[in-house]
Amino acid sequence: MARRRYCYVYGAVLPKNATRRRLYCGPACRAQAYRDRQTTERIGALGRLFLKAVATDDRRLLRRLTCPVCGHMTYAAGSRRRDARYCSARCRDRAYRRRHRQYGDVKASENRRVPTGTTR
C-alpha cells in the first residue's frame, strides 16, 4: 500500500501516480510556494539589515527602514514594493494629509478672496 502524500501549500492529497519528486498539487500551488519563499527571504534580509543598523547606530539606514509616521518597521520588499516608505496604507494617507494640510488651507483662503472691482 502506497503512502498518501500531500501538497506542501494547500494540503490536498497528491494523485497516486505522482512521482516522488512532486511536492505541489499544481502550477498555481507551486507559484504560491515560490512567492511565499521570496517574501520570507526578503523580510529576513530586511530584519538583518535593521539589526545591523541598530548595532552600528546607522541613523540614515534606520530612517529608511522605519515608517516616518508611526516608527514601525516598514517591511519594504516583503509583500510590498521595494521602494515602500510607509508600513501601511493608513500611514501613507496620514502623511499625505499632513503634507497637504497647509497647502489646502492656503489654497482655500486664496479662493475666498474676491478680486477688487468684481461682485460675487
Protein backbone atom coordinates (compact mmCIF):
# COMPACT_ATOMS: atom_id res chain seq x y z
CA MET A 1 0.00 0.00 0.00
CA ALA A 2 1.41 3.36 -1.07
CA ARG A 3 1.72 6.11 1.47
CA ARG A 4 -0.55 9.12 0.94
CA ARG A 5 1.32 12.29 0.11
CA TYR A 6 0.03 15.82 0.49
CA CYS A 7 0.64 19.15 -1.22
CA TYR A 8 3.09 21.37 0.69
CA VAL A 9 0.97 24.51 0.31
CA TYR A 10 -2.71 23.55 0.47
CA GLY A 11 -2.54 20.08 1.97
CA ALA A 12 -4.50 18.45 -0.84
CA VAL A 13 -3.86 14.77 -1.49
CA LEU A 14 -1.49 14.24 -4.42
CA PRO A 15 -2.55 11.75 -7.13
CA LYS A 16 -1.47 8.13 -6.63
CA ASN A 17 0.52 8.15 -9.87
CA ALA A 18 2.53 11.27 -8.87
CA THR A 19 6.31 10.95 -8.95
CA ARG A 20 8.33 11.02 -5.74
CA ARG A 21 9.65 14.47 -6.58
CA ARG A 22 6.24 16.05 -6.90
CA LEU A 23 5.54 18.41 -3.98
CA TYR A 24 2.59 20.50 -5.12
CA CYS A 25 -0.86 19.76 -6.49
CA GLY A 26 -0.49 22.07 -9.50
CA PRO A 27 1.31 25.02 -11.12
CA ALA A 28 -0.68 27.64 -9.19
CA CYS A 29 0.28 25.96 -5.94
CA ARG A 30 3.94 25.85 -6.96
CA ALA A 31 3.84 29.56 -7.86
CA GLN A 32 2.26 30.40 -4.48
CA ALA A 33 5.03 28.47 -2.69
CA TYR A 34 7.64 30.44 -4.67
CA ARG A 35 6.03 33.77 -3.75
CA ASP A 36 5.91 32.74 -0.09
CA ARG A 37 9.60 31.79 -0.11
CA GLN A 38 10.56 35.09 -1.74
CA THR A 39 8.57 37.08 0.82
CA THR A 40 10.12 35.19 3.72
CA GLU A 41 13.63 35.73 2.38
CA ARG A 42 13.05 39.45 1.81
CA ILE A 43 11.60 40.00 5.27
CA GLY A 44 14.50 38.06 6.79
CA ALA A 45 17.02 40.16 4.88
CA LEU A 46 15.24 43.32 5.98
CA GLY A 47 15.34 42.17 9.61
CA ARG A 48 19.07 41.51 9.35
CA LEU A 49 19.55 45.00 7.87
CA PHE A 50 17.56 46.51 10.73
CA LEU A 51 19.62 44.69 13.36
CA LYS A 52 22.83 45.79 11.65
CA ALA A 53 21.62 49.41 11.61
CA VAL A 54 20.77 49.26 15.32
CA ALA A 55 24.12 47.65 16.19
CA THR A 56 26.15 50.20 14.24
CA ASP A 57 23.83 53.13 15.10
CA ASP A 58 23.43 53.95 11.40
CA ARG A 59 20.73 56.64 11.59
CA ARG A 60 20.33 57.02 7.84
CA LEU A 61 19.58 53.32 7.37
CA LEU A 62 17.27 53.30 10.39
CA ARG A 63 15.35 56.20 8.88
CA ARG A 64 14.95 54.27 5.61
CA LEU A 65 13.77 51.10 7.36
CA THR A 66 11.18 52.66 9.66
CA CYS A 67 7.85 54.25 8.86
CA PRO A 68 8.16 58.08 9.10
CA VAL A 69 4.63 58.35 10.54
CA CYS A 70 4.42 55.71 13.28
CA GLY A 71 8.02 54.44 13.57
CA HIS A 72 7.25 50.76 12.90
CA MET A 73 9.46 48.71 10.62
CA THR A 74 8.23 49.11 7.04
CA TYR A 75 8.95 45.62 5.64
CA ALA A 76 9.50 47.19 2.25
CA ALA A 77 10.12 44.49 -0.34
CA GLY A 78 8.37 41.89 1.78
CA SER A 79 4.93 41.68 0.33
CA ARG A 80 5.14 45.32 -0.73
CA ARG A 81 7.03 47.31 -3.29
CA ARG A 82 10.77 47.59 -2.78
CA ASP A 83 10.54 51.37 -2.53
CA ALA A 84 7.72 51.41 0.06
CA ARG A 85 8.22 54.16 2.65
CA TYR A 86 5.25 53.54 4.92
CA CYS A 87 4.21 50.46 6.88
CA SER A 88 0.56 50.62 5.78
CA ALA A 89 -1.93 52.49 3.64
CA ARG A 90 -3.18 54.18 6.80
CA CYS A 91 0.24 55.74 7.50
CA ARG A 92 0.62 56.70 3.83
CA ASP A 93 -2.73 58.51 3.94
CA ARG A 94 -1.82 60.27 7.20
CA ALA A 95 1.44 61.51 5.69
CA TYR A 96 -0.40 62.74 2.60
CA ARG A 97 -2.92 64.64 4.72
CA ARG A 98 -0.14 66.20 6.80
CA ARG A 99 1.74 67.32 3.70
CA HIS A 100 -1.34 68.82 2.09
CA ARG A 101 -2.99 70.28 5.17
CA GLN A 102 -1.17 73.63 4.96
CA TYR A 103 -1.33 73.66 1.19
CA GLY A 104 -5.06 73.05 1.29
CA ASP A 105 -5.59 75.83 3.85
CA VAL A 106 -3.64 78.32 1.74
CA LYS A 107 -5.48 77.30 -1.41
CA ALA A 108 -8.87 77.59 0.32
CA SER A 109 -8.04 81.07 1.62
CA GLU A 110 -6.99 82.19 -1.88
CA ASN A 111 -10.33 81.01 -3.25
CA ARG A 112 -12.19 83.02 -0.62
CA ARG A 113 -10.61 86.32 -1.67
CA VAL A 114 -12.74 88.35 -4.01
CA PRO A 115 -10.77 90.38 -6.54
CA THR A 116 -11.36 94.13 -6.29
CA GLY A 117 -13.82 95.60 -8.74
CA THR A 118 -15.87 92.43 -9.12
CA THR A 119 -19.00 91.25 -7.43
CA ARG A 120 -19.93 87.82 -6.33
